[in-house]
């Protein structure tokens, strides 16, 4: 029996597509914002892997409030 419900990612997360993160800005600090890389998205099932994180203090207005 499947215990998981299929949902759209956008219903549970703010998705910012196309933002290029600099490798040197990413951290392993779990208190920072988790980054889901496209390399970790596979079909038909994606296991969420959050190895890299982005520091909250580096969030610009453009990321915080996308158009």
N, C-alpha and C. Protein backbone atom coordinates (compact mmCIF):
# COMPACT_ATOMS: atom_id res chain seq x y z
N UNK A 1 0.84 -1.18 0.00
CA UNK A 1 0.00 0.00 0.00
C UNK A 1 0.89 1.25 0.00
N UNK A 2 0.62 2.18 -0.90
CA UNK A 2 1.38 3.42 -1.02
C UNK A 2 0.96 4.40 0.08
N UNK A 3 1.93 4.86 0.88
CA UNK A 3 1.65 5.79 1.97
C UNK A 3 1.82 7.25 1.55
N UNK A 4 2.24 7.48 0.32
CA UNK A 4 2.56 8.82 -0.13
C UNK A 4 1.46 9.37 -1.02
N UNK A 5 1.27 10.67 -0.93
CA UNK A 5 0.30 11.37 -1.76
C UNK A 5 1.07 12.19 -2.79
N UNK A 6 0.67 12.10 -4.04
CA UNK A 6 1.33 12.87 -5.09
C UNK A 6 0.77 14.29 -5.07
N UNK A 7 1.66 15.27 -4.99
CA UNK A 7 1.26 16.68 -4.97
C UNK A 7 2.18 17.48 -5.87
N UNK A 8 1.77 18.68 -6.20
CA UNK A 8 2.63 19.60 -6.94
C UNK A 8 3.58 20.24 -5.95
N UNK A 9 4.84 20.32 -6.30
CA UNK A 9 5.84 20.92 -5.42
C UNK A 9 5.46 22.34 -5.05
N UNK A 10 4.90 23.08 -5.98
CA UNK A 10 4.54 24.48 -5.74
C UNK A 10 3.44 24.62 -4.68
N UNK A 11 2.75 23.54 -4.34
CA UNK A 11 1.72 23.63 -3.31
C UNK A 11 2.30 23.58 -1.89
N UNK A 12 3.56 23.21 -1.78
CA UNK A 12 4.19 23.12 -0.45
C UNK A 12 5.50 23.89 -0.34
N UNK A 13 5.93 24.52 -1.45
CA UNK A 13 7.21 25.24 -1.44
C UNK A 13 7.19 26.38 -2.44
N UNK A 14 7.99 27.39 -2.17
CA UNK A 14 8.20 28.45 -3.14
C UNK A 14 9.27 27.97 -4.11
N UNK A 15 8.90 27.86 -5.37
CA UNK A 15 9.81 27.35 -6.38
C UNK A 15 10.37 28.52 -7.18
N UNK A 16 11.68 28.67 -7.17
CA UNK A 16 12.34 29.72 -7.94
C UNK A 16 13.16 29.01 -9.01
N UNK A 17 12.66 29.06 -10.21
CA UNK A 17 13.30 28.37 -11.31
C UNK A 17 14.31 29.27 -11.99
N UNK A 18 15.45 28.71 -12.33
CA UNK A 18 16.43 29.42 -13.13
C UNK A 18 17.40 30.28 -12.37
N UNK A 19 17.35 30.29 -11.05
CA UNK A 19 18.30 31.09 -10.29
C UNK A 19 19.62 30.34 -10.23
N UNK A 20 20.70 31.00 -10.62
CA UNK A 20 22.02 30.35 -10.63
C UNK A 20 22.75 30.64 -9.32
N UNK A 21 22.88 29.63 -8.49
CA UNK A 21 23.61 29.77 -7.23
C UNK A 21 25.09 29.57 -7.49
N UNK A 22 25.91 30.39 -6.85
CA UNK A 22 27.35 30.22 -6.94
C UNK A 22 27.75 29.12 -5.97
N UNK A 23 28.58 28.21 -6.41
CA UNK A 23 29.01 27.09 -5.57
C UNK A 23 29.60 27.55 -4.25
N UNK A 24 30.36 28.65 -4.30
CA UNK A 24 31.01 29.12 -3.08
C UNK A 24 30.02 29.71 -2.07
N UNK A 25 28.79 30.00 -2.51
CA UNK A 25 27.77 30.52 -1.59
C UNK A 25 27.01 29.41 -0.86
N UNK A 26 27.07 28.19 -1.37
CA UNK A 26 26.31 27.10 -0.77
C UNK A 26 27.01 26.57 0.47
N UNK A 27 26.20 26.12 1.43
CA UNK A 27 26.73 25.60 2.69
C UNK A 27 26.14 24.21 2.95
N UNK A 28 26.62 23.59 4.00
CA UNK A 28 26.04 22.33 4.47
C UNK A 28 25.23 22.56 5.75
N UNK A 29 25.09 23.84 6.13
CA UNK A 29 24.40 24.23 7.36
C UNK A 29 22.90 23.99 7.23
N UNK A 30 22.34 23.09 7.99
CA UNK A 30 20.92 22.72 7.91
C UNK A 30 20.00 23.85 8.36
N UNK A 31 20.56 24.90 8.98
CA UNK A 31 19.74 26.05 9.39
C UNK A 31 19.53 27.02 8.23
N UNK A 32 20.32 26.88 7.17
CA UNK A 32 20.15 27.70 5.98
C UNK A 32 19.03 27.13 5.12
N UNK A 33 18.71 27.80 4.03
CA UNK A 33 17.60 27.40 3.16
C UNK A 33 18.03 26.23 2.28
N UNK A 34 17.28 25.11 2.32
CA UNK A 34 17.65 23.95 1.50
C UNK A 34 17.48 24.23 0.01
N UNK A 35 18.41 23.71 -0.78
CA UNK A 35 18.38 23.88 -2.23
C UNK A 35 18.13 22.53 -2.88
N UNK A 36 17.11 22.47 -3.71
CA UNK A 36 16.83 21.26 -4.48
C UNK A 36 17.39 21.48 -5.88
N UNK A 37 18.42 20.74 -6.22
CA UNK A 37 19.06 20.87 -7.52
C UNK A 37 18.34 20.01 -8.55
N UNK A 38 18.30 20.51 -9.77
CA UNK A 38 17.63 19.79 -10.84
C UNK A 38 18.25 18.40 -11.05
N UNK A 39 19.52 18.25 -10.74
CA UNK A 39 20.18 16.95 -10.87
C UNK A 39 19.56 15.91 -9.93
N UNK A 40 18.89 16.37 -8.86
CA UNK A 40 18.26 15.48 -7.91
C UNK A 40 16.80 15.19 -8.24
N UNK A 41 16.31 15.78 -9.33
CA UNK A 41 14.93 15.56 -9.73
C UNK A 41 14.92 14.54 -10.86
N UNK A 42 14.27 13.43 -10.61
CA UNK A 42 14.18 12.37 -11.61
C UNK A 42 12.73 11.98 -11.81
N UNK A 43 12.48 11.27 -12.85
CA UNK A 43 11.12 10.84 -13.14
C UNK A 43 11.04 9.33 -13.04
N UNK A 44 9.98 8.76 -12.58
CA UNK A 44 8.73 9.40 -12.18
C UNK A 44 8.70 9.80 -10.69
N UNK A 45 9.65 9.35 -9.92
CA UNK A 45 9.64 9.63 -8.48
C UNK A 45 10.91 10.38 -8.09
N UNK A 46 10.77 11.43 -7.30
CA UNK A 46 11.91 12.20 -6.84
C UNK A 46 12.04 12.05 -5.33
N UNK A 47 13.21 11.65 -4.89
CA UNK A 47 13.51 11.63 -3.47
C UNK A 47 14.18 12.95 -3.15
N UNK A 48 13.61 13.70 -2.22
CA UNK A 48 14.16 15.01 -1.91
C UNK A 48 15.50 14.87 -1.22
N UNK A 49 16.51 15.45 -1.84
CA UNK A 49 17.87 15.43 -1.32
C UNK A 49 18.30 16.88 -1.14
N UNK A 50 18.53 17.27 0.10
CA UNK A 50 18.95 18.63 0.38
C UNK A 50 20.34 18.61 0.99
N UNK A 51 21.35 18.41 0.14
CA UNK A 51 22.73 18.40 0.61
C UNK A 51 23.28 19.81 0.75
N UNK A 52 22.85 20.69 -0.14
CA UNK A 52 23.34 22.06 -0.13
C UNK A 52 22.27 23.01 0.38
N UNK A 53 22.74 24.09 1.01
CA UNK A 53 21.85 25.10 1.57
C UNK A 53 22.37 26.48 1.21
N UNK A 54 21.47 27.46 1.22
CA UNK A 54 21.83 28.84 0.88
C UNK A 54 21.62 29.71 2.11
N UNK A 55 22.63 30.50 2.49
CA UNK A 55 22.52 31.34 3.69
C UNK A 55 21.39 32.37 3.58
N UNK A 56 20.58 32.46 4.61
CA UNK A 56 19.45 33.40 4.61
C UNK A 56 19.91 34.84 4.42
N UNK A 57 21.06 35.19 4.98
CA UNK A 57 21.53 36.57 4.90
C UNK A 57 21.94 36.98 3.48
N UNK A 58 22.05 36.03 2.57
CA UNK A 58 22.43 36.34 1.19
C UNK A 58 21.23 36.45 0.26
N UNK A 59 20.04 36.33 0.82
CA UNK A 59 18.84 36.41 -0.02
C UNK A 59 18.60 37.86 -0.41
N UNK A 60 18.52 38.09 -1.69
CA UNK A 60 18.24 39.43 -2.19
C UNK A 60 16.73 39.61 -2.32
N UNK A 61 16.31 40.84 -2.53
CA UNK A 61 14.89 41.11 -2.73
C UNK A 61 14.35 40.34 -3.93
N UNK A 62 15.19 40.14 -4.94
CA UNK A 62 14.75 39.43 -6.16
C UNK A 62 14.40 37.99 -5.86
N UNK A 63 15.14 37.35 -4.96
CA UNK A 63 14.85 35.96 -4.61
C UNK A 63 13.69 35.90 -3.63
N UNK A 64 13.68 36.78 -2.65
CA UNK A 64 12.65 36.76 -1.61
C UNK A 64 11.27 37.03 -2.16
N UNK A 65 11.18 37.88 -3.19
CA UNK A 65 9.89 38.26 -3.76
C UNK A 65 9.94 38.16 -5.28
N UNK A 66 9.95 36.94 -5.80
CA UNK A 66 10.03 36.79 -7.27
C UNK A 66 8.79 37.36 -7.95
N UNK A 67 8.97 37.82 -9.20
CA UNK A 67 7.84 38.37 -9.98
C UNK A 67 6.83 37.30 -10.30
